[in-house]
């Protein structure tokens, strides 16, 4: 299965799905709903409303962590005696 991504700019809604039917949805946070198959055993999609607002803090934190990690001295760097 291949991940299918759709972004609807006019509503700032992001859909991530595997292309399989996803008729049953459960809200996991205020703006995030996970969709399942009929038996509610297989997650088949995620809908993120207000995607920019919801994802921006996560992306900013990831960028900051990456920047901080790149500024630390490497543990594999050899020190001279």
PDB file of N, CA and C in Angstrom:
ATOM      1  N   UNK A   1       0.832  -1.190   0.000  1.00  0.00           N
ATOM      2  CA  UNK A   1       0.000   0.000   0.000  1.00  0.00           C
ATOM      3  C   UNK A   1       0.871   1.244   0.000  1.00  0.00           C
ATOM      4  N   UNK A   2       0.395   2.236  -0.643  1.00  0.00           N
ATOM      5  CA  UNK A   2       1.129   3.480  -0.764  1.00  0.00           C
ATOM      6  C   UNK A   2       0.392   4.577  -0.002  1.00  0.00           C
ATOM      7  N   UNK A   3       1.142   5.433   0.666  1.00  0.00           N
ATOM      8  CA  UNK A   3       0.559   6.561   1.390  1.00  0.00           C
ATOM      9  C   UNK A   3       0.051   7.591   0.399  1.00  0.00           C
ATOM     10  N   UNK A   4      -1.182   8.008   0.588  1.00  0.00           N
ATOM     11  CA  UNK A   4      -1.779   9.043  -0.252  1.00  0.00           C
ATOM     12  C   UNK A   4      -1.981  10.274   0.614  1.00  0.00           C
ATOM     13  N   UNK A   5      -1.498  11.411   0.128  1.00  0.00           N
ATOM     14  CA  UNK A   5      -1.565  12.663   0.872  1.00  0.00           C
ATOM     15  C   UNK A   5      -2.357  13.664   0.059  1.00  0.00           C
ATOM     16  N   UNK A   6      -3.328  14.303   0.723  1.00  0.00           N
ATOM     17  CA  UNK A   6      -4.108  15.363   0.088  1.00  0.00           C
ATOM     18  C   UNK A   6      -4.164  16.540   1.045  1.00  0.00           C
ATOM     19  N   UNK A   7      -3.879  17.712   0.516  1.00  0.00           N
ATOM     20  CA  UNK A   7      -3.967  18.935   1.328  1.00  0.00           C
ATOM     21  C   UNK A   7      -4.966  19.863   0.658  1.00  0.00           C
ATOM     22  N   UNK A   8      -5.896  20.357   1.454  1.00  0.00           N
ATOM     23  CA  UNK A   8      -6.931  21.260   0.971  1.00  0.00           C
ATOM     24  C   UNK A   8      -6.669  22.629   1.577  1.00  0.00           C
ATOM     25  N   UNK A   9      -6.030  23.475   0.789  1.00  0.00           N
ATOM     26  CA  UNK A   9      -5.576  24.779   1.278  1.00  0.00           C
ATOM     27  C   UNK A   9      -6.726  25.658   1.761  1.00  0.00           C
ATOM     28  N   UNK A  10      -7.860  25.609   1.063  1.00  0.00           N
ATOM     29  CA  UNK A  10      -8.976  26.488   1.433  1.00  0.00           C
ATOM     30  C   UNK A  10      -9.513  26.199   2.834  1.00  0.00           C
ATOM     31  N   UNK A  11      -9.367  24.959   3.312  1.00  0.00           N
ATOM     32  CA  UNK A  11      -9.831  24.607   4.659  1.00  0.00           C
ATOM     33  C   UNK A  11      -8.667  24.261   5.591  1.00  0.00           C
ATOM     34  N   UNK A  12      -7.426  24.322   5.079  1.00  0.00           N
ATOM     35  CA  UNK A  12      -6.224  23.962   5.836  1.00  0.00           C
ATOM     36  C   UNK A  12      -6.387  22.579   6.463  1.00  0.00           C
ATOM     37  N   UNK A  13      -6.805  21.624   5.620  1.00  0.00           N
ATOM     38  CA  UNK A  13      -7.048  20.256   6.063  1.00  0.00           C
ATOM     39  C   UNK A  13      -6.096  19.315   5.337  1.00  0.00           C
ATOM     40  N   UNK A  14      -5.476  18.412   6.109  1.00  0.00           N
ATOM     41  CA  UNK A  14      -4.532  17.451   5.560  1.00  0.00           C
ATOM     42  C   UNK A  14      -5.082  16.047   5.754  1.00  0.00           C
ATOM     43  N   UNK A  15      -5.093  15.265   4.673  1.00  0.00           N
ATOM     44  CA  UNK A  15      -5.544  13.870   4.726  1.00  0.00           C
ATOM     45  C   UNK A  15      -4.360  12.976   4.381  1.00  0.00           C
ATOM     46  N   UNK A  16      -4.086  12.010   5.262  1.00  0.00           N
ATOM     47  CA  UNK A  16      -3.067  10.993   5.025  1.00  0.00           C
ATOM     48  C   UNK A  16      -3.785   9.654   5.060  1.00  0.00           C
ATOM     49  N   UNK A  17      -3.718   8.899   4.000  1.00  0.00           N
ATOM     50  CA  UNK A  17      -4.435   7.632   3.963  1.00  0.00           C
ATOM     51  C   UNK A  17      -3.729   6.598   3.127  1.00  0.00           C
ATOM     52  N   UNK A  18      -4.167   5.355   3.262  1.00  0.00           N
ATOM     53  CA  UNK A  18      -3.557   4.261   2.513  1.00  0.00           C
ATOM     54  C   UNK A  18      -4.409   3.823   1.326  1.00  0.00           C
ATOM     55  N   UNK A  19      -5.466   4.560   1.033  1.00  0.00           N
ATOM     56  CA  UNK A  19      -6.305   4.240  -0.110  1.00  0.00           C
ATOM     57  C   UNK A  19      -7.392   3.218   0.162  1.00  0.00           C
ATOM     58  N   UNK A  20      -7.405   2.661   1.344  1.00  0.00           N
ATOM     59  CA  UNK A  20      -8.422   1.681   1.722  1.00  0.00           C
ATOM     60  C   UNK A  20      -9.632   2.401   2.318  1.00  0.00           C
ATOM     61  N   UNK A  21     -10.814   1.788   2.273  1.00  0.00           N
ATOM     62  CA  UNK A  21     -11.987   2.407   2.882  1.00  0.00           C
ATOM     63  C   UNK A  21     -11.736   2.710   4.357  1.00  0.00           C
ATOM     64  N   UNK A  22     -12.188   3.878   4.779  1.00  0.00           N
ATOM     65  CA  UNK A  22     -11.970   4.321   6.154  1.00  0.00           C
ATOM     66  C   UNK A  22     -13.268   4.925   6.696  1.00  0.00           C
ATOM     67  N   UNK A  23     -14.295   4.094   6.913  1.00  0.00           N
ATOM     68  CA  UNK A  23     -15.615   4.607   7.259  1.00  0.00           C
ATOM     69  C   UNK A  23     -15.809   5.011   8.729  1.00  0.00           C
ATOM     70  N   UNK A  24     -14.933   4.576   9.625  1.00  0.00           N
ATOM     71  CA  UNK A  24     -15.135   4.832  11.049  1.00  0.00           C
ATOM     72  C   UNK A  24     -14.031   5.752  11.549  1.00  0.00           C
ATOM     73  N   UNK A  25     -14.410   6.897  12.122  1.00  0.00           N
ATOM     74  CA  UNK A  25     -13.420   7.846  12.612  1.00  0.00           C
ATOM     75  C   UNK A  25     -13.511   8.052  14.108  1.00  0.00           C
ATOM     76  N   UNK A  26     -12.352   8.239  14.728  1.00  0.00           N
ATOM     77  CA  UNK A  26     -12.277   8.544  16.154  1.00  0.00           C
ATOM     78  C   UNK A  26     -11.391   9.757  16.342  1.00  0.00           C
ATOM     79  N   UNK A  27     -11.910  10.782  17.052  1.00  0.00           N
ATOM     80  CA  UNK A  27     -11.109  11.952  17.369  1.00  0.00           C
ATOM     81  C   UNK A  27     -10.067  11.567  18.405  1.00  0.00           C
ATOM     82  N   UNK A  28      -8.797  11.878  18.123  1.00  0.00           N
ATOM     83  CA  UNK A  28      -7.768  11.598  19.118  1.00  0.00           C
ATOM     84  C   UNK A  28      -7.284  12.877  19.797  1.00  0.00           C
ATOM     85  N   UNK A  29      -7.473  14.000  19.144  1.00  0.00           N
ATOM     86  CA  UNK A  29      -7.288  15.322  19.744  1.00  0.00           C
ATOM     87  C   UNK A  29      -8.306  16.232  19.087  1.00  0.00           C
ATOM     88  N   UNK A  30      -8.271  17.485  19.485  1.00  0.00           N
ATOM     89  CA  UNK A  30      -9.256  18.438  18.968  1.00  0.00           C
ATOM     90  C   UNK A  30      -9.257  18.527  17.444  1.00  0.00           C
ATOM     91  N   UNK A  31      -8.093  18.462  16.818  1.00  0.00           N
ATOM     92  CA  UNK A  31      -8.011  18.660  15.371  1.00  0.00           C
ATOM     93  C   UNK A  31      -7.552  17.433  14.596  1.00  0.00           C
ATOM     94  N   UNK A  32      -7.443  16.291  15.260  1.00  0.00           N
ATOM     95  CA  UNK A  32      -6.924  15.095  14.597  1.00  0.00           C
ATOM     96  C   UNK A  32      -7.909  13.937  14.767  1.00  0.00           C
ATOM     97  N   UNK A  33      -8.304  13.354  13.629  1.00  0.00           N
ATOM     98  CA  UNK A  33      -9.203  12.204  13.613  1.00  0.00           C
ATOM     99  C   UNK A  33      -8.518  11.062  12.884  1.00  0.00           C
ATOM    100  N   UNK A  34      -8.516   9.888  13.504  1.00  0.00           N
ATOM    101  CA  UNK A  34      -7.979   8.682  12.869  1.00  0.00           C
ATOM    102  C   UNK A  34      -9.161   7.876  12.344  1.00  0.00           C
ATOM    103  N   UNK A  35      -9.058   7.421  11.106  1.00  0.00           N
ATOM    104  CA  UNK A  35     -10.116   6.641  10.475  1.00  0.00           C
ATOM    105  C   UNK A  35      -9.680   5.189  10.345  1.00  0.00           C
ATOM    106  N   UNK A  36     -10.632   4.290  10.599  1.00  0.00           N
ATOM    107  CA  UNK A  36     -10.380   2.856  10.626  1.00  0.00           C
ATOM    108  C   UNK A  36     -11.257   2.129   9.625  1.00  0.00           C
ATOM    109  N   UNK A  37     -10.947   0.840   9.441  1.00  0.00           N
ATOM    110  CA  UNK A  37     -11.804  -0.030   8.653  1.00  0.00           C
ATOM    111  C   UNK A  37     -13.083  -0.319   9.444  1.00  0.00           C
ATOM    112  N   UNK A  38     -14.001  -1.055   8.868  1.00  0.00           N
ATOM    113  CA  UNK A  38     -15.301  -1.332   9.509  1.00  0.00           C
ATOM    114  C   UNK A  38     -15.159  -2.074  10.841  1.00  0.00           C
ATOM    115  N   UNK A  39     -14.141  -2.905  10.966  1.00  0.00           N
ATOM    116  CA  UNK A  39     -13.945  -3.677  12.196  1.00  0.00           C
ATOM    117  C   UNK A  39     -13.198  -2.877  13.262  1.00  0.00           C
ATOM    118  N   UNK A  40     -12.781  -1.666  12.916  1.00  0.00           N
ATOM    119  CA  UNK A  40     -12.015  -0.775  13.794  1.00  0.00           C
ATOM    120  C   UNK A  40     -10.745  -1.475  14.293  1.00  0.00           C
ATOM    121  N   UNK A  41     -10.099  -2.186  13.385  1.00  0.00           N
ATOM    122  CA  UNK A  41      -8.854  -2.873  13.724  1.00  0.00           C
ATOM    123  C   UNK A  41      -7.663  -2.306  12.958  1.00  0.00           C
ATOM    124  N   UNK A  42      -7.925  -1.731  11.789  1.00  0.00           N
ATOM    125  CA  UNK A  42      -6.857  -1.244  10.925  1.00  0.00           C
ATOM    126  C   UNK A  42      -7.020   0.252  10.687  1.00  0.00           C
ATOM    127  N   UNK A  43      -6.060   1.082  11.156  1.00  0.00           N
ATOM    128  CA  UNK A  43      -6.149   2.506  10.820  1.00  0.00           C
ATOM    129  C   UNK A  43      -5.821   2.706   9.345  1.00  0.00           C
ATOM    130  N   UNK A  44      -6.703   3.398   8.651  1.00  0.00           N
ATOM    131  CA  UNK A  44      -6.534   3.589   7.211  1.00  0.00           C
ATOM    132  C   UNK A  44      -6.325   5.041   6.813  1.00  0.00           C
ATOM    133  N   UNK A  45      -6.482   5.963   7.761  1.00  0.00           N
ATOM    134  CA  UNK A  45      -6.295   7.356   7.411  1.00  0.00           C
ATOM    135  C   UNK A  45      -6.274   8.258   8.620  1.00  0.00           C
ATOM    136  N   UNK A  46      -5.703   9.436   8.416  1.00  0.00           N
ATOM    137  CA  UNK A  46      -5.657  10.465   9.453  1.00  0.00           C
ATOM    138  C   UNK A  46      -6.073  11.779   8.810  1.00  0.00           C
ATOM    139  N   UNK A  47      -6.989  12.475   9.451  1.00  0.00           N
ATOM    140  CA  UNK A  47      -7.427  13.786   9.002  1.00  0.00           C
ATOM    141  C   UNK A  47      -6.961  14.808  10.023  1.00  0.00           C
ATOM    142  N   UNK A  48      -6.216  15.821   9.561  1.00  0.00           N
ATOM    143  CA  UNK A  48      -5.732  16.873  10.447  1.00  0.00           C
ATOM    144  C   UNK A  48      -6.356  18.183   9.990  1.00  0.00           C
ATOM    145  N   UNK A  49      -7.222  18.713  10.829  1.00  0.00           N
ATOM    146  CA  UNK A  49      -7.840  20.011  10.555  1.00  0.00           C
ATOM    147  C   UNK A  49      -6.937  21.105  11.109  1.00  0.00           C
ATOM    148  N   UNK A  50      -6.998  22.283  10.507  1.00  0.00           N
ATOM    149  CA  UNK A  50      -6.104  23.382  10.896  1.00  0.00           C
ATOM    150  C   UNK A  50      -4.664  22.874  10.876  1.00  0.00           C
ATOM    151  N   UNK A  51      -4.303  22.215   9.773  1.00  0.00           N
ATOM    152  CA  UNK A  51      -3.027  21.506   9.665  1.00  0.00           C
ATOM    153  C   UNK A  51      -1.825  22.406   9.928  1.00  0.00           C
ATOM    154  N   UNK A  52      -1.805  23.598   9.357  1.00  0.00           N
ATOM    155  CA  UNK A  52      -0.659  24.483   9.560  1.00  0.00           C
ATOM    156  C   UNK A  52      -0.515  24.834  11.039  1.00  0.00           C
ATOM    157  N   UNK A  53      -1.605  25.181  11.671  1.00  0.00           N
ATOM    158  CA  UNK A  53      -1.595  25.532  13.094  1.00  0.00           C
ATOM    159  C   UNK A  53      -1.227  24.326  13.957  1.00  0.00           C
ATOM    160  N   UNK A  54      -1.732  23.159  13.600  1.00  0.00           N
ATOM    161  CA  UNK A  54      -1.493  21.949  14.383  1.00  0.00           C
ATOM    162  C   UNK A  54      -0.067  21.435  14.221  1.00  0.00           C
ATOM    163  N   UNK A  55       0.450  21.453  12.991  1.00  0.00           N
ATOM    164  CA  UNK A  55       1.755  20.862  12.718  1.00  0.00           C
ATOM    165  C   UNK A  55       2.929  21.826  12.893  1.00  0.00           C
ATOM    166  N   UNK A  56       2.699  23.119  12.784  1.00  0.00           N
ATOM    167  CA  UNK A  56       3.796  24.088  12.862  1.00  0.00           C
ATOM    168  C   UNK A  56       4.609  23.966  14.156  1.00  0.00           C
ATOM    169  N   UNK A  57       3.987  23.870  15.346  1.00  0.00           N
ATOM    170  CA  UNK A  57       4.798  23.727  16.567  1.00  0.00           C
ATOM    171  C   UNK A  57       5.654  22.453  16.560  1.00  0.00           C
ATOM    172  N   UNK A  58       5.145  21.378  15.995  1.00  0.00           N
ATOM    173  CA  UNK A  58       5.903  20.130  15.919  1.00  0.00           C
ATOM    174  C   UNK A  58       7.105  20.302  14.998  1.00  0.00           C
ATOM    175  N   UNK A  59       6.887  20.917  13.844  1.00  0.00           N
ATOM    176  CA  UNK A  59       7.972  21.136  12.899  1.00  0.00           C
ATOM    177  C   UNK A  59       9.016  22.092  13.463  1.00  0.00           C
ATOM    178  N   UNK A  60       8.582  23.137  14.158  1.00  0.00           N
ATOM    179  CA  UNK A  60       9.524  24.076  14.767  1.00  0.00           C
ATOM    180  C   UNK A  60      10.363  23.388  15.840  1.00  0.00           C
ATOM    181  N   UNK A  61       9.749  22.547  16.651  1.00  0.00           N
ATOM    182  CA  UNK A  61      10.482  21.816  17.690  1.00  0.00           C
ATOM    183  C   UNK A  61      11.498  20.867  17.058  1.00  0.00           C
ATOM    184  N   UNK A  62      11.116  20.209  15.975  1.00  0.00           N
ATOM    185  CA  UNK A  62      12.035  19.297  15.292  1.00  0.00           C
ATOM    186  C   UNK A  62      13.217  20.060  14.713  1.00  0.00           C
ATOM    187  N   UNK A  63      12.962  21.204  14.115  1.00  0.00           N
ATOM    188  CA  UNK A  63      14.042  22.019  13.557  1.00  0.00           C
ATOM    189  C   UNK A  63      14.981  22.510  14.659  1.00  0.00           C
ATOM    190  N   UNK A  64      14.424  22.920  15.784  1.00  0.00           N
ATOM    191  CA  UNK A  64      15.241  23.392  16.896  1.00  0.00           C
ATOM    192  C   UNK A  64      16.097  22.252  17.449  1.00  0.00           C
ATOM    193  N   UNK A  65      15.518  21.076  17.619  1.00  0.00           N
ATOM    194  CA  UNK A  65      16.267  19.926  18.123  1.00  0.00           C
ATOM    195  C   UNK A  65      17.395  19.565  17.167  1.00  0.00           C
ATOM    196  N   UNK A  66      17.116  19.620  15.884  1.00  0.00           N
ATOM    197  CA  UNK A  66      18.144  19.302  14.891  1.00  0.00           C
ATOM    198  C   UNK A  66      19.271  20.326  14.935  1.00  0.00           C
ATOM    199  N   UNK A  67      18.903  21.582  15.061  1.00  0.00           N
ATOM    200  CA  UNK A  67      19.910  22.641  15.131  1.00  0.00           C
ATOM    201  C   UNK A  67      20.776  22.486  16.381  1.00  0.00           C
ATOM    202  N   UNK A  68      20.153  22.209  17.510  1.00  0.00           N
ATOM    203  CA  UNK A  68      20.895  22.017  18.759  1.00  0.00           C
ATOM    204  C   UNK A  68      21.818  20.808  18.663  1.00  0.00           C
ATOM    205  N   UNK A  69      21.356  19.741  18.047  1.00  0.00           N
ATOM    206  CA  UNK A  69      22.180  18.541  17.897  1.00  0.00           C
ATOM    207  C   UNK A  69      23.378  18.809  16.995  1.00  0.00           C
ATOM    208  N   UNK A  70      23.201  19.630  15.978  1.00  0.00           N
ATOM    209  CA  UNK A  70      24.311  19.906  15.059  1.00  0.00           C
ATOM    210  C   UNK A  70      25.349  20.825  15.689  1.00  0.00           C
ATOM    211  N   UNK A  71      24.975  21.541  16.755  1.00  0.00           N
ATOM    212  CA  UNK A  71      25.910  22.447  17.419  1.00  0.00           C
ATOM    213  C   UNK A  71      26.710  21.758  18.505  1.00  0.00           C
ATOM    214  N   UNK A  72      26.304  20.567  18.935  1.00  0.00           N
ATOM    215  CA  UNK A  72      27.037  19.822  19.969  1.00  0.00           C
ATOM    216  C   UNK A  72      28.250  19.175  19.336  1.00  0.00           C
ATOM    217  N   UNK A  73      29.362  19.111  20.091  1.00  0.00           N
ATOM    218  CA  UNK A  73      30.526  18.407  19.553  1.00  0.00           C
ATOM    219  C   UNK A  73      30.214  16.927  19.350  1.00  0.00           C
ATOM    220  N   UNK A  74      30.734  16.389  18.292  1.00  0.00           N
ATOM    221  CA  UNK A  74      30.502  14.972  17.989  1.00  0.00           C
ATOM    222  C   UNK A  74      31.229  14.089  18.986  1.00  0.00           C
ATOM    223  N   UNK A  75      30.565  13.048  19.457  1.00  0.00           N
ATOM    224  CA  UNK A  75      31.190  12.101  20.394  1.00  0.00           C
ATOM    225  C   UNK A  75      32.292  11.310  19.710  1.00  0.00           C
ATOM    226  N   UNK A  76      32.231  11.199  18.399  1.00  0.00           N
ATOM    227  CA  UNK A  76      33.226  10.414  17.682  1.00  0.00           C
ATOM    228  C   UNK A  76      34.477  11.246  17.356  1.00  0.00           C
ATOM    229  N   UNK A  77      34.419  12.541  17.644  1.00  0.00           N
ATOM    230  CA  UNK A  77      35.573  13.389  17.378  1.00  0.00           C
ATOM    231  C   UNK A  77      36.716  13.008  18.297  1.00  0.00           C
ATOM    232  N   UNK A  78      37.903  12.864  17.717  1.00  0.00           N
ATOM    233  CA  UNK A  78      39.072  12.488  18.502  1.00  0.00           C
ATOM    234  C   UNK A  78      39.657  13.725  19.146  1.00  0.00           C
ATOM    235  N   UNK A  79      40.115  13.572  20.380  1.00  0.00           N
ATOM    236  CA  UNK A  79      40.760  14.684  21.067  1.00  0.00           C
ATOM    237  C   UNK A  79      42.252  14.395  21.127  1.00  0.00           C
ATOM    238  N   UNK A  80      43.048  15.426  20.960  1.00  0.00           N
ATOM    239  CA  UNK A  80      44.491  15.231  21.020  1.00  0.00           C
ATOM    240  C   UNK A  80      44.973  15.288  22.449  1.00  0.00           C
ATOM    241  N   UNK A  81      46.012  14.534  22.757  1.00  0.00           N
ATOM    242  CA  UNK A  81      46.559  14.474  24.111  1.00  0.00           C
ATOM    243  C   UNK A  81      47.772  15.324  24.246  1.00  0.00           C
TER     244      UNK A  81
END
